[in-house]
N, C-alpha and C. Protein backbone atom coordinates (compact mmCIF):
# COMPACT_ATOMS: atom_id res chain seq x y z
N MET A 1 -29.55 22.73 -68.54
CA MET A 1 -30.12 22.31 -69.80
C MET A 1 -30.39 23.52 -70.70
N TRP A 2 -30.89 24.63 -70.12
CA TRP A 2 -31.19 25.82 -70.90
C TRP A 2 -29.92 26.36 -71.56
N GLU A 3 -28.79 26.32 -70.86
CA GLU A 3 -27.53 26.81 -71.42
C GLU A 3 -27.11 25.96 -72.62
N VAL A 4 -27.30 24.65 -72.50
CA VAL A 4 -26.96 23.74 -73.60
C VAL A 4 -27.85 24.04 -74.81
N LEU A 5 -29.15 24.23 -74.56
CA LEU A 5 -30.09 24.54 -75.64
C LEU A 5 -29.69 25.84 -76.34
N GLN A 6 -29.40 26.87 -75.55
CA GLN A 6 -28.99 28.16 -76.12
C GLN A 6 -27.71 28.02 -76.95
N LEU A 7 -26.75 27.30 -76.40
CA LEU A 7 -25.48 27.09 -77.10
C LEU A 7 -25.72 26.46 -78.47
N TRP A 8 -26.55 25.41 -78.52
CA TRP A 8 -26.76 24.68 -79.76
C TRP A 8 -27.70 25.40 -80.72
N ILE A 9 -28.59 26.25 -80.22
CA ILE A 9 -29.37 27.10 -81.12
C ILE A 9 -28.41 28.04 -81.84
N GLY A 10 -27.49 28.62 -81.09
CA GLY A 10 -26.47 29.48 -81.70
C GLY A 10 -25.61 28.73 -82.71
N GLN A 11 -25.24 27.49 -82.38
CA GLN A 11 -24.44 26.68 -83.31
C GLN A 11 -25.22 26.40 -84.60
N GLY A 12 -26.51 26.12 -84.47
CA GLY A 12 -27.35 25.86 -85.64
C GLY A 12 -27.46 27.08 -86.54
N ILE A 13 -27.65 28.24 -85.92
CA ILE A 13 -27.72 29.49 -86.70
C ILE A 13 -26.40 29.72 -87.42
N ARG A 14 -25.30 29.59 -86.70
CA ARG A 14 -23.98 29.79 -87.32
C ARG A 14 -23.73 28.78 -88.44
N HIS A 15 -24.19 27.55 -88.25
CA HIS A 15 -24.00 26.52 -89.27
C HIS A 15 -24.64 26.93 -90.59
N ILE A 16 -25.76 27.61 -90.53
CA ILE A 16 -26.47 28.02 -91.74
C ILE A 16 -25.91 29.31 -92.33
N ILE A 17 -25.66 30.32 -91.52
CA ILE A 17 -25.27 31.61 -92.08
C ILE A 17 -23.76 31.80 -92.20
N ASP A 18 -22.99 30.84 -91.72
CA ASP A 18 -21.53 30.90 -91.82
C ASP A 18 -21.11 30.65 -93.26
N LEU A 19 -20.25 31.49 -93.78
CA LEU A 19 -19.79 31.31 -95.16
C LEU A 19 -19.00 30.02 -95.34
N ASP A 20 -18.44 29.48 -94.25
CA ASP A 20 -17.77 28.18 -94.35
C ASP A 20 -18.77 27.06 -94.56
N ALA A 21 -20.04 27.30 -94.24
CA ALA A 21 -21.10 26.31 -94.45
C ALA A 21 -21.84 26.67 -95.74
N TYR A 22 -21.05 26.90 -96.79
CA TYR A 22 -21.59 27.36 -98.06
C TYR A 22 -22.66 26.43 -98.62
N ASP A 23 -22.59 25.14 -98.28
CA ASP A 23 -23.54 24.19 -98.86
C ASP A 23 -24.97 24.53 -98.48
N HIS A 24 -25.23 24.79 -97.20
CA HIS A 24 -26.59 25.14 -96.79
C HIS A 24 -26.99 26.49 -97.36
N LEU A 25 -26.09 27.42 -97.30
CA LEU A 25 -26.36 28.78 -97.78
C LEU A 25 -26.75 28.75 -99.26
N LEU A 26 -25.94 28.11 -100.07
CA LEU A 26 -26.21 28.04 -101.51
C LEU A 26 -27.51 27.28 -101.79
N TYR A 27 -27.71 26.17 -101.09
CA TYR A 27 -28.91 25.38 -101.34
C TYR A 27 -30.18 26.14 -100.97
N ILE A 28 -30.19 26.76 -99.81
CA ILE A 28 -31.39 27.49 -99.36
C ILE A 28 -31.69 28.66 -100.31
N ILE A 29 -30.66 29.34 -100.77
CA ILE A 29 -30.88 30.43 -101.73
C ILE A 29 -31.44 29.87 -103.03
N ALA A 30 -30.82 28.81 -103.57
CA ALA A 30 -31.29 28.23 -104.83
C ALA A 30 -32.71 27.69 -104.69
N LEU A 31 -33.01 27.08 -103.56
CA LEU A 31 -34.35 26.53 -103.33
C LEU A 31 -35.40 27.63 -103.19
N SER A 32 -35.05 28.69 -102.51
CA SER A 32 -36.01 29.74 -102.16
C SER A 32 -36.23 30.78 -103.25
N LEU A 33 -35.23 31.04 -104.03
CA LEU A 33 -35.27 32.14 -104.99
C LEU A 33 -36.48 32.14 -105.92
N PRO A 34 -36.87 31.01 -106.49
CA PRO A 34 -38.03 31.05 -107.40
C PRO A 34 -39.34 31.45 -106.72
N PHE A 35 -39.39 31.35 -105.41
CA PHE A 35 -40.64 31.59 -104.70
C PHE A 35 -40.56 32.84 -103.83
N SER A 36 -39.52 33.66 -104.02
CA SER A 36 -39.28 34.77 -103.11
C SER A 36 -40.16 35.98 -103.38
N LEU A 37 -40.89 35.97 -104.47
CA LEU A 37 -41.77 37.11 -104.76
C LEU A 37 -43.23 36.69 -104.73
N GLY A 38 -43.74 36.46 -103.54
CA GLY A 38 -45.16 36.27 -103.38
C GLY A 38 -45.67 34.85 -103.22
N ARG A 39 -44.85 33.87 -103.41
CA ARG A 39 -45.31 32.48 -103.26
C ARG A 39 -44.81 31.95 -101.93
N TYR A 40 -45.17 32.66 -100.86
CA TYR A 40 -44.60 32.40 -99.55
C TYR A 40 -45.05 31.06 -98.96
N ARG A 41 -46.25 30.62 -99.27
CA ARG A 41 -46.73 29.33 -98.75
C ARG A 41 -45.87 28.20 -99.32
N ILE A 42 -45.63 28.24 -100.62
CA ILE A 42 -44.79 27.22 -101.25
C ILE A 42 -43.37 27.32 -100.71
N LEU A 43 -42.88 28.53 -100.57
CA LEU A 43 -41.54 28.74 -100.03
C LEU A 43 -41.41 28.14 -98.63
N THR A 44 -42.40 28.39 -97.79
CA THR A 44 -42.39 27.85 -96.43
C THR A 44 -42.41 26.33 -96.45
N LEU A 45 -43.25 25.75 -97.30
CA LEU A 45 -43.31 24.29 -97.41
C LEU A 45 -41.99 23.71 -97.92
N GLN A 46 -41.37 24.38 -98.87
CA GLN A 46 -40.09 23.91 -99.41
C GLN A 46 -39.01 23.89 -98.32
N VAL A 47 -38.87 24.99 -97.61
CA VAL A 47 -37.84 25.09 -96.58
C VAL A 47 -38.14 24.11 -95.44
N THR A 48 -39.42 23.95 -95.10
CA THR A 48 -39.80 23.00 -94.06
C THR A 48 -39.50 21.56 -94.49
N ALA A 49 -39.75 21.24 -95.76
CA ALA A 49 -39.44 19.90 -96.27
C ALA A 49 -37.93 19.64 -96.18
N PHE A 50 -37.13 20.62 -96.52
CA PHE A 50 -35.68 20.48 -96.41
C PHE A 50 -35.27 20.26 -94.95
N THR A 51 -35.84 21.06 -94.05
CA THR A 51 -35.53 20.94 -92.62
C THR A 51 -35.95 19.58 -92.09
N LEU A 52 -37.09 19.09 -92.52
CA LEU A 52 -37.56 17.78 -92.09
C LEU A 52 -36.56 16.69 -92.49
N GLY A 53 -36.13 16.69 -93.74
CA GLY A 53 -35.14 15.72 -94.19
C GLY A 53 -33.82 15.87 -93.48
N HIS A 54 -33.38 17.11 -93.30
CA HIS A 54 -32.12 17.39 -92.62
C HIS A 54 -32.16 16.87 -91.19
N THR A 55 -33.26 17.13 -90.51
CA THR A 55 -33.43 16.69 -89.12
C THR A 55 -33.45 15.17 -89.03
N LEU A 56 -34.21 14.54 -89.89
CA LEU A 56 -34.33 13.09 -89.90
C LEU A 56 -32.94 12.43 -90.07
N ALA A 57 -32.21 12.86 -91.06
CA ALA A 57 -30.89 12.27 -91.31
C ALA A 57 -29.90 12.60 -90.20
N LEU A 58 -29.98 13.81 -89.68
CA LEU A 58 -29.08 14.20 -88.59
C LEU A 58 -29.33 13.34 -87.36
N VAL A 59 -30.59 13.11 -87.02
CA VAL A 59 -30.92 12.27 -85.87
C VAL A 59 -30.41 10.84 -86.09
N ILE A 60 -30.66 10.29 -87.26
CA ILE A 60 -30.23 8.92 -87.55
C ILE A 60 -28.71 8.82 -87.55
N ALA A 61 -28.05 9.74 -88.24
CA ALA A 61 -26.58 9.68 -88.34
C ALA A 61 -25.91 9.95 -87.00
N ALA A 62 -26.49 10.84 -86.20
CA ALA A 62 -25.87 11.19 -84.92
C ALA A 62 -26.14 10.17 -83.83
N SER A 63 -27.23 9.42 -83.95
CA SER A 63 -27.58 8.50 -82.87
C SER A 63 -27.26 7.04 -83.19
N THR A 64 -26.77 6.78 -84.38
CA THR A 64 -26.39 5.41 -84.74
C THR A 64 -24.97 5.41 -85.28
N SER A 65 -24.46 4.26 -85.52
CA SER A 65 -23.14 4.19 -86.15
C SER A 65 -23.32 3.85 -87.63
N LEU A 66 -24.10 4.68 -88.28
CA LEU A 66 -24.39 4.52 -89.69
C LEU A 66 -23.09 4.68 -90.50
N PRO A 67 -22.71 3.66 -91.25
CA PRO A 67 -21.47 3.80 -92.02
C PRO A 67 -21.68 4.75 -93.20
N MET A 68 -20.82 5.74 -93.31
CA MET A 68 -20.93 6.71 -94.39
C MET A 68 -19.55 6.97 -94.97
N ILE A 69 -19.54 7.26 -96.24
CA ILE A 69 -18.32 7.71 -96.88
C ILE A 69 -18.48 9.21 -97.09
N LYS A 70 -17.70 9.97 -96.35
CA LYS A 70 -17.85 11.42 -96.32
C LYS A 70 -17.80 12.03 -97.72
N THR A 71 -16.91 11.55 -98.55
CA THR A 71 -16.78 12.11 -99.90
C THR A 71 -18.06 11.95 -100.69
N TRP A 72 -18.72 10.78 -100.57
CA TRP A 72 -19.96 10.56 -101.30
C TRP A 72 -21.07 11.49 -100.81
N VAL A 73 -21.09 11.74 -99.50
CA VAL A 73 -22.09 12.67 -98.95
C VAL A 73 -21.81 14.07 -99.50
N GLU A 74 -20.55 14.48 -99.51
CA GLU A 74 -20.19 15.80 -100.03
C GLU A 74 -20.52 15.93 -101.51
N ILE A 75 -20.29 14.87 -102.27
CA ILE A 75 -20.66 14.87 -103.69
C ILE A 75 -22.18 15.02 -103.83
N GLY A 76 -22.92 14.28 -103.01
CA GLY A 76 -24.39 14.38 -103.04
C GLY A 76 -24.88 15.78 -102.71
N ILE A 77 -24.24 16.40 -101.74
CA ILE A 77 -24.62 17.77 -101.35
C ILE A 77 -24.38 18.73 -102.52
N LEU A 78 -23.20 18.65 -103.12
CA LEU A 78 -22.87 19.56 -104.23
C LEU A 78 -23.76 19.30 -105.45
N LEU A 79 -24.05 18.03 -105.72
CA LEU A 79 -24.96 17.72 -106.83
C LEU A 79 -26.36 18.27 -106.57
N SER A 80 -26.80 18.20 -105.32
CA SER A 80 -28.13 18.73 -104.99
C SER A 80 -28.19 20.24 -105.21
N ILE A 81 -27.11 20.93 -104.88
CA ILE A 81 -27.05 22.38 -105.10
C ILE A 81 -27.05 22.67 -106.60
N LEU A 82 -26.23 21.94 -107.34
CA LEU A 82 -26.13 22.12 -108.79
C LEU A 82 -27.48 21.88 -109.47
N LEU A 83 -28.12 20.77 -109.15
CA LEU A 83 -29.40 20.45 -109.79
C LEU A 83 -30.50 21.42 -109.41
N THR A 84 -30.48 21.89 -108.18
CA THR A 84 -31.48 22.88 -107.76
C THR A 84 -31.26 24.20 -108.49
N ALA A 85 -30.00 24.58 -108.67
CA ALA A 85 -29.69 25.80 -109.42
C ALA A 85 -30.10 25.66 -110.88
N ILE A 86 -29.82 24.52 -111.48
CA ILE A 86 -30.23 24.28 -112.88
C ILE A 86 -31.75 24.32 -113.00
N HIS A 87 -32.43 23.73 -112.03
CA HIS A 87 -33.90 23.77 -112.02
C HIS A 87 -34.39 25.22 -111.97
N GLY A 88 -33.72 26.05 -111.16
CA GLY A 88 -34.09 27.47 -111.06
C GLY A 88 -33.86 28.24 -112.34
N ILE A 89 -32.88 27.81 -113.13
CA ILE A 89 -32.61 28.45 -114.42
C ILE A 89 -33.64 27.99 -115.46
N ALA A 90 -33.95 26.71 -115.45
CA ALA A 90 -34.78 26.11 -116.50
C ALA A 90 -36.28 26.38 -116.34
N PHE A 91 -36.74 26.53 -115.13
CA PHE A 91 -38.19 26.67 -114.91
C PHE A 91 -38.52 28.03 -114.34
N THR A 92 -39.72 28.48 -114.64
CA THR A 92 -40.16 29.78 -114.13
C THR A 92 -40.64 29.63 -112.70
N SER A 93 -40.77 30.75 -112.03
CA SER A 93 -41.24 30.72 -110.64
C SER A 93 -42.72 30.36 -110.56
N ARG A 94 -43.41 30.34 -111.67
CA ARG A 94 -44.83 29.98 -111.67
C ARG A 94 -45.03 28.48 -111.92
N ALA A 95 -43.94 27.75 -112.00
CA ALA A 95 -44.05 26.30 -112.20
C ALA A 95 -44.77 25.69 -111.01
N ASN A 96 -45.56 24.66 -111.28
CA ASN A 96 -46.28 23.98 -110.22
C ASN A 96 -45.31 23.17 -109.36
N VAL A 97 -45.60 23.13 -108.10
CA VAL A 97 -44.82 22.33 -107.16
C VAL A 97 -45.76 21.26 -106.62
N SER A 98 -45.37 20.01 -106.78
CA SER A 98 -46.24 18.90 -106.40
C SER A 98 -45.58 18.07 -105.30
N LEU A 99 -46.28 17.06 -104.85
CA LEU A 99 -45.78 16.18 -103.81
C LEU A 99 -44.40 15.60 -104.14
N PRO A 100 -44.18 15.11 -105.36
CA PRO A 100 -42.82 14.59 -105.67
C PRO A 100 -41.72 15.64 -105.47
N HIS A 101 -42.05 16.88 -105.77
CA HIS A 101 -41.08 17.97 -105.58
C HIS A 101 -40.70 18.09 -104.10
N TYR A 102 -41.70 18.04 -103.23
CA TYR A 102 -41.44 18.12 -101.80
C TYR A 102 -40.67 16.89 -101.31
N LEU A 103 -40.99 15.73 -101.85
CA LEU A 103 -40.28 14.51 -101.46
C LEU A 103 -38.80 14.57 -101.87
N VAL A 104 -38.54 15.13 -103.05
CA VAL A 104 -37.14 15.32 -103.46
C VAL A 104 -36.45 16.28 -102.50
N THR A 105 -37.15 17.34 -102.11
CA THR A 105 -36.57 18.31 -101.17
C THR A 105 -36.28 17.66 -99.82
N ILE A 106 -37.16 16.78 -99.35
CA ILE A 106 -36.90 16.04 -98.11
C ILE A 106 -35.66 15.16 -98.30
N GLY A 107 -35.56 14.50 -99.45
CA GLY A 107 -34.39 13.66 -99.74
C GLY A 107 -33.09 14.45 -99.75
N VAL A 108 -33.15 15.63 -100.33
CA VAL A 108 -31.96 16.50 -100.35
C VAL A 108 -31.61 16.92 -98.93
N GLY A 109 -32.64 17.21 -98.13
CA GLY A 109 -32.40 17.54 -96.72
C GLY A 109 -31.70 16.39 -96.00
N CYS A 110 -32.09 15.17 -96.33
CA CYS A 110 -31.43 13.99 -95.74
C CYS A 110 -29.95 13.95 -96.10
N ILE A 111 -29.63 14.22 -97.35
CA ILE A 111 -28.22 14.22 -97.77
C ILE A 111 -27.44 15.28 -96.99
N HIS A 112 -28.01 16.47 -96.88
CA HIS A 112 -27.33 17.55 -96.15
C HIS A 112 -27.21 17.21 -94.67
N GLY A 113 -28.23 16.57 -94.09
CA GLY A 113 -28.19 16.17 -92.68
C GLY A 113 -27.11 15.14 -92.41
N LEU A 114 -26.91 14.23 -93.35
CA LEU A 114 -25.84 13.23 -93.19
C LEU A 114 -24.47 13.90 -93.12
N GLY A 115 -24.34 15.00 -93.83
CA GLY A 115 -23.07 15.71 -93.85
C GLY A 115 -22.64 16.22 -92.48
N PHE A 116 -23.59 16.49 -91.61
CA PHE A 116 -23.26 17.00 -90.28
C PHE A 116 -23.45 15.95 -89.20
N GLY A 117 -24.18 14.90 -89.49
CA GLY A 117 -24.53 13.90 -88.48
C GLY A 117 -23.35 13.23 -87.82
N SER A 118 -22.36 12.80 -88.60
CA SER A 118 -21.22 12.10 -88.01
C SER A 118 -20.39 13.04 -87.14
N PHE A 119 -20.27 14.30 -87.57
CA PHE A 119 -19.56 15.29 -86.77
C PHE A 119 -20.28 15.51 -85.45
N PHE A 120 -21.61 15.61 -85.51
CA PHE A 120 -22.42 15.81 -84.32
C PHE A 120 -22.27 14.62 -83.36
N ALA A 121 -22.24 13.42 -83.91
CA ALA A 121 -22.09 12.20 -83.09
C ALA A 121 -20.75 12.19 -82.37
N GLN A 122 -19.70 12.69 -83.01
CA GLN A 122 -18.38 12.75 -82.37
C GLN A 122 -18.39 13.71 -81.19
N LEU A 123 -19.18 14.77 -81.30
CA LEU A 123 -19.26 15.74 -80.21
C LEU A 123 -20.03 15.18 -79.01
N HIS A 124 -20.92 14.22 -79.29
CA HIS A 124 -21.78 13.66 -78.25
C HIS A 124 -21.74 12.13 -78.29
N PRO A 125 -20.67 11.54 -77.81
CA PRO A 125 -20.62 10.07 -77.81
C PRO A 125 -21.69 9.46 -76.89
N GLU A 126 -22.05 10.16 -75.83
CA GLU A 126 -23.13 9.71 -74.94
C GLU A 126 -24.46 10.21 -75.49
N LYS A 127 -25.45 9.36 -75.50
CA LYS A 127 -26.73 9.71 -76.12
C LYS A 127 -27.80 10.03 -75.07
N GLY A 128 -27.45 10.77 -74.04
CA GLY A 128 -28.38 11.09 -72.96
C GLY A 128 -29.15 12.36 -73.21
N THR A 129 -29.58 12.98 -72.12
CA THR A 129 -30.40 14.18 -72.17
C THR A 129 -29.69 15.33 -72.88
N GLU A 130 -28.40 15.50 -72.61
CA GLU A 130 -27.67 16.59 -73.25
C GLU A 130 -27.62 16.41 -74.76
N PHE A 131 -27.50 15.16 -75.21
CA PHE A 131 -27.50 14.86 -76.65
C PHE A 131 -28.81 15.31 -77.28
N VAL A 132 -29.93 14.95 -76.66
CA VAL A 132 -31.26 15.30 -77.19
C VAL A 132 -31.44 16.81 -77.17
N THR A 133 -31.06 17.45 -76.06
CA THR A 133 -31.17 18.90 -75.95
C THR A 133 -30.33 19.59 -77.01
N SER A 134 -29.11 19.09 -77.23
CA SER A 134 -28.23 19.66 -78.24
C SER A 134 -28.82 19.50 -79.63
N LEU A 135 -29.36 18.34 -79.90
CA LEU A 135 -29.94 18.06 -81.21
C LEU A 135 -31.15 18.95 -81.48
N VAL A 136 -32.02 19.10 -80.48
CA VAL A 136 -33.19 19.97 -80.62
C VAL A 136 -32.73 21.41 -80.82
N GLY A 137 -31.78 21.87 -79.99
CA GLY A 137 -31.28 23.23 -80.11
C GLY A 137 -30.64 23.49 -81.46
N PHE A 138 -29.82 22.55 -81.92
CA PHE A 138 -29.16 22.71 -83.21
C PHE A 138 -30.19 22.83 -84.34
N ASN A 139 -31.19 21.97 -84.33
CA ASN A 139 -32.20 22.02 -85.38
C ASN A 139 -33.05 23.29 -85.31
N LEU A 140 -33.35 23.76 -84.11
CA LEU A 140 -34.05 25.04 -83.99
C LEU A 140 -33.19 26.17 -84.55
N GLY A 141 -31.90 26.11 -84.25
CA GLY A 141 -30.98 27.11 -84.78
C GLY A 141 -30.87 27.07 -86.29
N VAL A 142 -30.85 25.86 -86.86
CA VAL A 142 -30.83 25.71 -88.32
C VAL A 142 -32.07 26.36 -88.92
N GLU A 143 -33.21 26.11 -88.31
CA GLU A 143 -34.46 26.69 -88.82
C GLU A 143 -34.43 28.22 -88.73
N VAL A 144 -33.94 28.76 -87.62
CA VAL A 144 -33.83 30.22 -87.47
C VAL A 144 -32.86 30.77 -88.51
N GLY A 145 -31.73 30.11 -88.70
CA GLY A 145 -30.75 30.55 -89.70
C GLY A 145 -31.35 30.55 -91.10
N GLN A 146 -32.11 29.51 -91.42
CA GLN A 146 -32.76 29.46 -92.73
C GLN A 146 -33.77 30.58 -92.88
N LEU A 147 -34.51 30.88 -91.82
CA LEU A 147 -35.47 31.99 -91.87
C LEU A 147 -34.76 33.32 -92.10
N ILE A 148 -33.59 33.50 -91.49
CA ILE A 148 -32.81 34.73 -91.69
C ILE A 148 -32.45 34.86 -93.17
N ILE A 149 -31.98 33.77 -93.76
CA ILE A 149 -31.60 33.78 -95.19
C ILE A 149 -32.82 34.06 -96.06
N VAL A 150 -33.91 33.37 -95.80
CA VAL A 150 -35.11 33.52 -96.62
C VAL A 150 -35.68 34.93 -96.50
N ILE A 151 -35.75 35.47 -95.30
CA ILE A 151 -36.26 36.83 -95.10
C ILE A 151 -35.35 37.84 -95.81
N GLY A 152 -34.04 37.65 -95.70
CA GLY A 152 -33.10 38.52 -96.41
C GLY A 152 -33.29 38.44 -97.91
N LEU A 153 -33.48 37.23 -98.41
CA LEU A 153 -33.68 37.03 -99.85
C LEU A 153 -34.99 37.67 -100.32
N ILE A 154 -36.06 37.47 -99.56
CA ILE A 154 -37.35 38.08 -99.91
C ILE A 154 -37.21 39.60 -99.92
N THR A 155 -36.54 40.15 -98.91
CA THR A 155 -36.35 41.60 -98.83
C THR A 155 -35.56 42.11 -100.03
N LEU A 156 -34.46 41.44 -100.36
CA LEU A 156 -33.64 41.84 -101.50
C LEU A 156 -34.44 41.80 -102.81
N MET A 157 -35.16 40.70 -103.04
CA MET A 157 -35.92 40.57 -104.28
C MET A 157 -37.06 41.59 -104.34
N ARG A 158 -37.68 41.87 -103.20
CA ARG A 158 -38.75 42.88 -103.16
C ARG A 158 -38.18 44.27 -103.48
N LEU A 159 -37.02 44.60 -102.90
CA LEU A 159 -36.39 45.90 -103.19
C LEU A 159 -36.01 46.00 -104.66
N LEU A 160 -35.45 44.94 -105.22
CA LEU A 160 -35.11 44.95 -106.64
C LEU A 160 -36.35 45.13 -107.50
N SER A 161 -37.43 44.49 -107.11
CA SER A 161 -38.69 44.62 -107.83
C SER A 161 -39.20 46.06 -107.77
N LEU A 162 -39.08 46.69 -106.61
CA LEU A 162 -39.58 48.06 -106.44
C LEU A 162 -38.80 49.08 -107.27
N VAL A 163 -37.52 48.82 -107.49
CA VAL A 163 -36.71 49.75 -108.29
C VAL A 163 -36.74 49.40 -109.78
N GLY A 164 -37.56 48.41 -110.13
CA GLY A 164 -37.75 48.08 -111.53
C GLY A 164 -36.77 47.08 -112.11
N ALA A 165 -35.99 46.44 -111.27
CA ALA A 165 -35.05 45.43 -111.77
C ALA A 165 -35.82 44.23 -112.31
N PRO A 166 -35.34 43.64 -113.37
CA PRO A 166 -36.01 42.45 -113.93
C PRO A 166 -35.75 41.22 -113.05
N THR A 167 -36.57 41.05 -112.02
CA THR A 167 -36.30 40.02 -111.02
C THR A 167 -36.24 38.60 -111.57
N PRO A 168 -37.00 38.22 -112.60
CA PRO A 168 -36.82 36.86 -113.13
C PRO A 168 -35.41 36.65 -113.68
N GLN A 169 -34.88 37.66 -114.34
CA GLN A 169 -33.52 37.56 -114.87
C GLN A 169 -32.48 37.58 -113.74
N VAL A 170 -32.73 38.38 -112.72
CA VAL A 170 -31.84 38.40 -111.56
C VAL A 170 -31.82 37.02 -110.91
N SER A 171 -33.00 36.43 -110.75
CA SER A 171 -33.11 35.10 -110.16
C SER A 171 -32.32 34.07 -110.98
N LYS A 172 -32.50 34.10 -112.28
CA LYS A 172 -31.79 33.15 -113.14
C LYS A 172 -30.28 33.40 -113.09
N GLY A 173 -29.87 34.67 -113.00
CA GLY A 173 -28.45 34.99 -112.89
C GLY A 173 -27.84 34.47 -111.59
N ILE A 174 -28.57 34.62 -110.50
CA ILE A 174 -28.09 34.09 -109.21
C ILE A 174 -28.02 32.57 -109.27
N HIS A 175 -29.02 31.94 -109.87
CA HIS A 175 -28.99 30.49 -110.02
C HIS A 175 -27.78 30.05 -110.86
N LEU A 176 -27.47 30.82 -111.90
CA LEU A 176 -26.32 30.49 -112.74
C LEU A 176 -25.02 30.59 -111.93
N ILE A 177 -24.89 31.62 -111.13
CA ILE A 177 -23.70 31.78 -110.28
C ILE A 177 -23.60 30.60 -109.30
N ILE A 178 -24.72 30.22 -108.70
CA ILE A 178 -24.72 29.09 -107.77
C ILE A 178 -24.34 27.80 -108.50
N ALA A 179 -24.84 27.61 -109.73
CA ALA A 179 -24.50 26.41 -110.50
C ALA A 179 -22.99 26.38 -110.80
N ILE A 180 -22.44 27.51 -111.17
CA ILE A 180 -21.00 27.57 -111.47
C ILE A 180 -20.17 27.29 -110.21
N ILE A 181 -20.55 27.90 -109.09
CA ILE A 181 -19.83 27.66 -107.83
C ILE A 181 -19.89 26.18 -107.46
N SER A 182 -21.08 25.57 -107.56
CA SER A 182 -21.19 24.16 -107.18
C SER A 182 -20.40 23.27 -108.13
N LEU A 183 -20.36 23.62 -109.41
CA LEU A 183 -19.55 22.85 -110.37
C LEU A 183 -18.06 22.95 -110.02
N LEU A 184 -17.61 24.15 -109.70
CA LEU A 184 -16.20 24.33 -109.34
C LEU A 184 -15.85 23.57 -108.06
N LEU A 185 -16.73 23.64 -107.07
CA LEU A 185 -16.49 22.91 -105.81
C LEU A 185 -16.52 21.41 -106.04
N LEU A 186 -17.41 20.95 -106.91
CA LEU A 186 -17.49 19.52 -107.22
C LEU A 186 -16.23 19.06 -107.94
N ALA A 187 -15.77 19.85 -108.90
CA ALA A 187 -14.53 19.52 -109.61
C ALA A 187 -13.35 19.46 -108.64
N ARG A 188 -13.29 20.44 -107.75
CA ARG A 188 -12.21 20.46 -106.75
C ARG A 188 -12.25 19.23 -105.84
N LEU A 189 -13.45 18.85 -105.44
CA LEU A 189 -13.62 17.68 -104.58
C LEU A 189 -13.20 16.41 -105.32
N LEU A 190 -13.64 16.28 -106.56
CA LEU A 190 -13.33 15.09 -107.33
C LEU A 190 -11.85 14.99 -107.68
N MET A 191 -11.16 16.12 -107.77
CA MET A 191 -9.72 16.12 -108.04
C MET A 191 -8.90 15.97 -106.77
N GLY A 192 -9.58 15.94 -105.64
CA GLY A 192 -8.89 15.70 -104.38
C GLY A 192 -8.21 16.91 -103.77
N ASN A 193 -8.61 18.10 -104.17
CA ASN A 193 -8.00 19.32 -103.60
C ASN A 193 -8.88 19.87 -102.52
């Protein structure tokens, strides 16, 4: 069981930090960036809300035969990245974050979790102990991977701040790049390429 847990923790980490898993990477950066300079409590709550939604949807999608249209899930994921990036451009990092904001983040986590749930279910057609161990390990790995990204982002923004870089403008610039990437990926998806 320990070997299975270790394997799936590694898979979860790779799922987040792998450049082929650009959706999680872009979303976590867009979500975290406004809070990367000193608003660590809000940042932690935001990432935890995303993980909660991701876990919930992954468990449901992986343990049931929930009918899903993969393209619609992918569109939802890309739209969530785009809207989060636009939000990061439009609002300052001092904007208030309220319960509805966290609920939206949980909902976005659900969309992202659905994206991996059916794949996970195919890997584990039997829903026994190994399935549960794999699911727990994968989600722990996702959380560790997200922490790696967030810590790297905090470190980068802190270093930029120390050298006098205009971090609010840097943040908005990164959000703009993420918005453009998500728009291009969405266009490619909708055109069937």
